[in-house]
Amino acid sequence: MTTYVAHALVEGFPGKSGSHGAFGWSSLWLLDDGTRRVLVDAGQPAYIPLIHEGLARLGLEAADVTDVVLTHLHWDHVANFTMFANATTWVGEAELAWAADQPAGTKFIPDLHVQELVRRKEGVERMAPEQEILPGIHTIASPGHTPHHLAFFTEASGSSMLFAGDAVKNVFELATSRVDSTMDEAQSVSTIDRLRSLLVDTSGVLLPGHDVGLTIVGGEVRRVRPQRADIGYFADGGGEQDRSIG
């Protein structure tokens, strides 16, 4: 059985702004089995230096990534797939067809990235639900946030890991089944219930789209570590001010 070592390049944060659009602080994980180096989602454009820094900490470069698997086609999860020249990008066939059919300017869909995924004849593979796309990495249908969203399940570092993408964005959604930003609330609730059951059955860790890892212990949803973010801004005449959010 293939077992991966999981490395958090960027841990997501459940931030939201009512005045400046979505933060887009999504989770970004690398799975490494010694042969394959698989990036789960590709992050937003501002993540490019964070990706390089995270890979460098592991002694790697972007060229060392062999595969990029995409949960769905929103901008903060797909934007950087083009920076991995040697990687195969895995995209849901139905999700890509749906996204390509949306008019330019559709909320959260990066038109040019979707067009590029459709255009490429090499280096892009289509995937479907309930498929083992790579040794030990299985897709799970998780619709709601988008119509054809996919989650991924694998064994990593001795524990099962469930990469939920935005099917489960944060601790609140997993604990309550109350969702924010979904195209189909009933489907999202059904998906969260199904992923929660899988998490309980496997005693694993769920990696949400915009939070640190989550577990369920004694029926209680818990973060595996405290959540924290640093935000800097320029105050009046006082230079840059840092604010920590915990």
Protein backbone atom coordinates (compact mmCIF):
# COMPACT_ATOMS: atom_id res chain seq x y z
CA MET A 1 0.00 0.00 0.00
CA THR A 2 1.31 3.43 -0.93
CA THR A 3 1.72 5.75 2.05
CA TYR A 4 2.48 9.42 1.64
CA VAL A 5 4.20 11.92 3.87
CA ALA A 6 2.03 15.05 4.00
CA HIS A 7 3.52 18.56 4.16
CA ALA A 8 1.47 21.73 4.63
CA LEU A 9 2.85 24.37 2.26
CA VAL A 10 0.08 26.78 3.29
CA GLU A 11 -2.55 26.11 5.95
CA GLY A 12 -5.86 27.71 5.09
CA PHE A 13 -7.53 30.45 7.11
CA PRO A 14 -11.31 31.00 7.39
CA GLY A 15 -11.20 34.75 6.77
CA LYS A 16 -13.85 36.78 5.00
CA SER A 17 -14.07 40.41 3.99
CA GLY A 18 -17.27 42.28 3.25
CA SER A 19 -15.45 45.20 1.63
CA HIS A 20 -12.52 43.78 -0.34
CA GLY A 21 -13.68 40.46 -1.73
CA ALA A 22 -12.76 37.00 -0.56
CA PHE A 23 -9.40 36.51 1.16
CA GLY A 24 -8.85 33.30 -0.77
CA TRP A 25 -6.61 31.84 1.93
CA SER A 26 -7.00 28.24 0.88
CA SER A 27 -5.09 25.19 2.07
CA LEU A 28 -2.18 23.85 0.04
CA TRP A 29 -0.68 20.41 0.78
CA LEU A 30 2.09 18.32 -0.76
CA LEU A 31 2.00 14.51 -0.62
CA ASP A 32 5.32 12.69 -1.11
CA ASP A 33 5.77 8.91 -1.34
CA GLY A 34 9.41 9.10 -2.38
CA THR A 35 8.52 8.81 -6.06
CA ARG A 36 5.58 11.11 -6.59
CA ARG A 37 5.16 14.60 -5.20
CA VAL A 38 1.50 15.46 -5.42
CA LEU A 39 0.17 18.96 -4.80
CA VAL A 40 -3.44 19.06 -3.60
CA ASP A 41 -4.87 22.21 -5.24
CA ALA A 42 -2.71 24.96 -6.69
CA GLY A 43 -3.60 28.05 -4.66
CA GLN A 44 -4.21 31.66 -5.58
CA PRO A 45 -1.72 33.94 -7.41
CA ALA A 46 -0.39 35.51 -4.19
CA TYR A 47 0.76 32.05 -3.09
CA ILE A 48 3.56 31.83 -5.67
CA PRO A 49 6.33 32.97 -3.28
CA LEU A 50 4.84 30.84 -0.48
CA ILE A 51 4.90 27.79 -2.74
CA HIS A 52 8.54 28.34 -3.67
CA GLU A 53 9.46 28.88 -0.01
CA GLY A 54 7.51 25.83 1.16
CA LEU A 55 9.11 23.58 -1.45
CA ALA A 56 12.57 24.95 -0.68
CA ARG A 57 12.13 23.98 2.98
CA LEU A 58 11.73 20.41 1.74
CA GLY A 59 14.71 20.65 -0.60
CA LEU A 60 12.43 20.79 -3.63
CA GLU A 61 11.62 23.04 -6.56
CA ALA A 62 8.47 23.51 -8.62
CA ALA A 63 9.98 21.24 -11.27
CA ASP A 64 9.99 18.36 -8.75
CA VAL A 65 6.19 18.29 -8.43
CA THR A 66 4.86 15.34 -10.43
CA ASP A 67 1.11 15.86 -10.08
CA VAL A 68 -1.40 18.58 -9.22
CA VAL A 69 -4.87 17.38 -8.22
CA LEU A 70 -7.69 19.93 -8.21
CA THR A 71 -10.72 19.75 -5.95
CA HIS A 72 -12.65 22.30 -8.01
CA LEU A 73 -12.18 25.20 -10.39
CA HIS A 74 -12.42 28.32 -8.26
CA TRP A 75 -9.60 30.82 -8.64
CA ASP A 76 -8.00 30.30 -5.24
CA HIS A 77 -7.63 26.55 -5.82
CA VAL A 78 -6.45 26.42 -9.44
CA ALA A 79 -4.51 29.59 -10.30
CA ASN A 80 -0.93 28.28 -10.10
CA PHE A 81 -1.15 24.95 -11.93
CA THR A 82 0.87 26.43 -14.80
CA MET A 83 4.00 26.91 -12.64
CA PHE A 84 4.62 23.15 -12.41
CA ALA A 85 6.15 22.41 -15.78
CA ASN A 86 6.77 18.70 -15.20
CA ALA A 87 3.49 17.92 -13.45
CA THR A 88 0.34 16.27 -14.70
CA THR A 89 -2.70 18.31 -13.67
CA TRP A 90 -5.72 16.23 -12.67
CA VAL A 91 -9.10 17.92 -13.09
CA GLY A 92 -12.62 16.57 -12.72
CA GLU A 93 -14.03 15.93 -16.19
CA ALA A 94 -17.53 17.04 -15.25
CA GLU A 95 -16.25 20.02 -13.25
CA LEU A 96 -14.17 21.22 -16.21
CA ALA A 97 -17.08 20.85 -18.63
CA TRP A 98 -19.32 22.81 -16.26
CA ALA A 99 -16.77 25.60 -15.67
CA ALA A 100 -15.98 25.92 -19.39
CA ASP A 101 -19.69 26.40 -20.08
CA GLN A 102 -19.98 29.42 -17.76
CA PRO A 103 -19.89 32.93 -19.25
CA ALA A 104 -16.85 35.13 -18.70
CA GLY A 105 -17.08 36.95 -15.40
CA THR A 106 -18.89 34.17 -13.55
CA LYS A 107 -18.27 34.50 -9.83
CA PHE A 108 -15.04 32.82 -8.62
CA ILE A 109 -14.26 31.08 -11.96
CA PRO A 110 -10.90 32.09 -13.54
CA ASP A 111 -11.82 32.13 -17.22
CA LEU A 112 -8.29 31.98 -18.64
CA HIS A 113 -7.18 29.11 -16.40
CA VAL A 114 -10.24 27.08 -17.35
CA GLN A 115 -9.63 27.78 -21.04
CA GLU A 116 -6.01 26.66 -20.66
CA LEU A 117 -7.04 23.40 -19.01
CA VAL A 118 -9.43 22.73 -21.89
CA ARG A 119 -6.82 23.70 -24.50
CA ARG A 120 -3.96 21.52 -23.26
CA LYS A 121 -3.74 18.14 -24.93
CA GLU A 122 -0.76 16.98 -22.87
CA GLY A 123 -0.14 17.26 -19.16
CA VAL A 124 -3.83 17.38 -18.21
CA GLU A 125 -5.78 14.29 -17.15
CA ARG A 126 -9.52 14.07 -16.51
CA MET A 127 -10.82 12.28 -13.44
CA ALA A 128 -14.17 11.06 -12.12
CA PRO A 129 -15.62 10.27 -8.69
CA GLU A 130 -14.72 7.00 -6.95
CA GLN A 131 -11.50 6.61 -8.93
CA GLU A 132 -7.96 5.80 -7.80
CA ILE A 133 -6.20 8.46 -9.83
CA LEU A 134 -2.73 7.75 -8.40
CA PRO A 135 -1.54 4.89 -6.18
CA GLY A 136 -3.35 5.31 -2.87
CA ILE A 137 -5.21 8.53 -3.81
CA HIS A 138 -8.96 8.13 -4.33
CA THR A 139 -11.53 10.67 -5.49
CA ILE A 140 -14.83 11.18 -3.67
CA ALA A 141 -17.86 12.96 -5.11
CA SER A 142 -18.51 16.01 -2.92
CA PRO A 143 -20.96 18.30 -4.75
CA GLY A 144 -22.60 21.44 -3.42
CA HIS A 145 -19.98 24.18 -3.29
CA THR A 146 -19.65 23.55 -7.03
CA PRO A 147 -21.73 20.98 -8.95
CA HIS A 148 -18.89 18.48 -9.47
CA HIS A 149 -16.50 19.17 -6.60
CA LEU A 150 -14.16 16.30 -5.68
CA ALA A 151 -12.51 15.38 -2.38
CA PHE A 152 -9.47 13.09 -2.03
CA PHE A 153 -8.76 10.28 0.42
CA THR A 154 -5.36 8.73 1.09
CA GLU A 155 -3.16 7.16 3.74
CA ALA A 156 -0.45 9.54 4.89
CA SER A 157 2.17 9.28 7.63
CA GLY A 158 0.32 6.47 9.38
CA SER A 159 -3.08 8.20 9.39
CA SER A 160 -5.82 8.49 6.82
CA MET A 161 -6.23 11.97 5.37
CA LEU A 162 -9.33 13.42 3.72
CA PHE A 163 -8.72 16.48 1.57
CA ALA A 164 -12.13 18.12 1.49
CA GLY A 165 -11.40 21.26 -0.50
CA ASP A 166 -14.31 23.66 -0.17
CA ALA A 167 -16.81 20.87 0.38
CA VAL A 168 -15.82 21.57 4.00
CA LYS A 169 -14.20 24.96 4.31
CA ASN A 170 -13.64 25.23 8.07
CA VAL A 171 -14.28 23.85 11.56
CA PHE A 172 -17.70 25.52 11.79
CA GLU A 173 -19.02 23.79 8.67
CA LEU A 174 -17.85 20.35 9.75
CA ALA A 175 -19.32 20.79 13.24
CA THR A 176 -22.68 22.24 12.22
CA SER A 177 -23.32 21.33 8.55
CA ARG A 178 -24.16 25.01 8.07
CA VAL A 179 -22.40 26.18 4.92
CA ASP A 180 -21.36 29.50 3.48
CA SER A 181 -20.84 30.02 -0.26
CA THR A 182 -22.48 27.01 -1.88
CA MET A 183 -24.32 26.55 -5.14
CA ASP A 184 -26.59 23.87 -3.65
CA GLU A 185 -27.08 23.93 0.11
CA ALA A 186 -28.88 20.56 0.29
CA GLN A 187 -26.07 18.86 -1.63
CA SER A 188 -23.46 20.54 0.58
CA VAL A 189 -25.15 19.32 3.76
CA SER A 190 -25.36 15.79 2.36
CA THR A 191 -21.68 15.93 1.36
CA ILE A 192 -20.56 17.15 4.79
CA ASP A 193 -22.55 14.40 6.49
CA ARG A 194 -20.93 11.78 4.24
CA LEU A 195 -17.40 13.13 4.75
CA ARG A 196 -17.95 13.38 8.50
CA SER A 197 -19.00 9.72 8.60
CA LEU A 198 -15.89 8.70 6.64
CA LEU A 199 -13.73 10.73 9.02
CA VAL A 200 -15.24 8.99 12.05
CA ASP A 201 -14.95 5.53 10.47
CA THR A 202 -11.26 6.00 9.65
CA SER A 203 -10.24 8.02 12.75
CA GLY A 204 -8.34 10.23 10.34
CA VAL A 205 -7.72 13.92 9.73
CA LEU A 206 -9.83 16.11 7.46
CA LEU A 207 -8.01 18.93 5.66
CA PRO A 208 -10.58 21.63 4.90
CA GLY A 209 -10.34 24.22 2.17
CA HIS A 210 -9.80 27.17 4.49
CA ASP A 211 -8.65 25.95 7.89
CA VAL A 212 -6.09 23.78 9.67
CA GLY A 213 -6.62 20.04 9.94
CA LEU A 214 -9.70 18.78 11.79
CA THR A 215 -10.44 15.63 13.76
CA ILE A 216 -13.49 14.24 15.51
CA VAL A 217 -12.87 12.98 19.05
CA GLY A 218 -15.77 11.74 21.15
CA GLY A 219 -18.19 13.32 18.72
CA GLU A 220 -16.53 16.74 19.01
CA VAL A 221 -14.89 18.44 16.03
CA ARG A 222 -11.45 19.80 16.93
CA ARG A 223 -8.67 21.65 15.18
CA VAL A 224 -5.38 19.75 15.29
CA ARG A 225 -3.60 23.01 16.18
CA PRO A 226 -4.63 26.59 16.98
CA GLN A 227 -5.67 28.75 14.04
CA ARG A 228 -3.66 31.91 13.45
CA ALA A 229 -2.92 34.48 10.74
CA ASP A 230 -0.83 37.64 10.51
CA ILE A 231 -2.19 40.65 8.67
CA GLY A 232 -0.19 43.80 7.99
CA TYR A 233 -1.50 47.19 6.99
CA PHE A 234 -0.16 50.75 6.82
CA ALA A 235 -1.51 53.02 9.54
CA ASP A 236 -1.62 56.81 9.34
CA GLY A 237 1.97 58.02 9.46
CA GLY A 238 3.03 55.05 11.51
CA GLY A 239 4.35 52.64 8.93
CA GLU A 240 3.21 49.05 8.62
CA GLN A 241 1.28 47.60 11.55
CA ASP A 242 1.01 43.86 12.15
CA ARG A 243 -2.08 42.32 13.61
CA SER A 244 -2.24 38.67 14.67
CA ILE A 245 -5.55 36.87 14.46
CA GLY A 246 -5.95 33.73 16.52
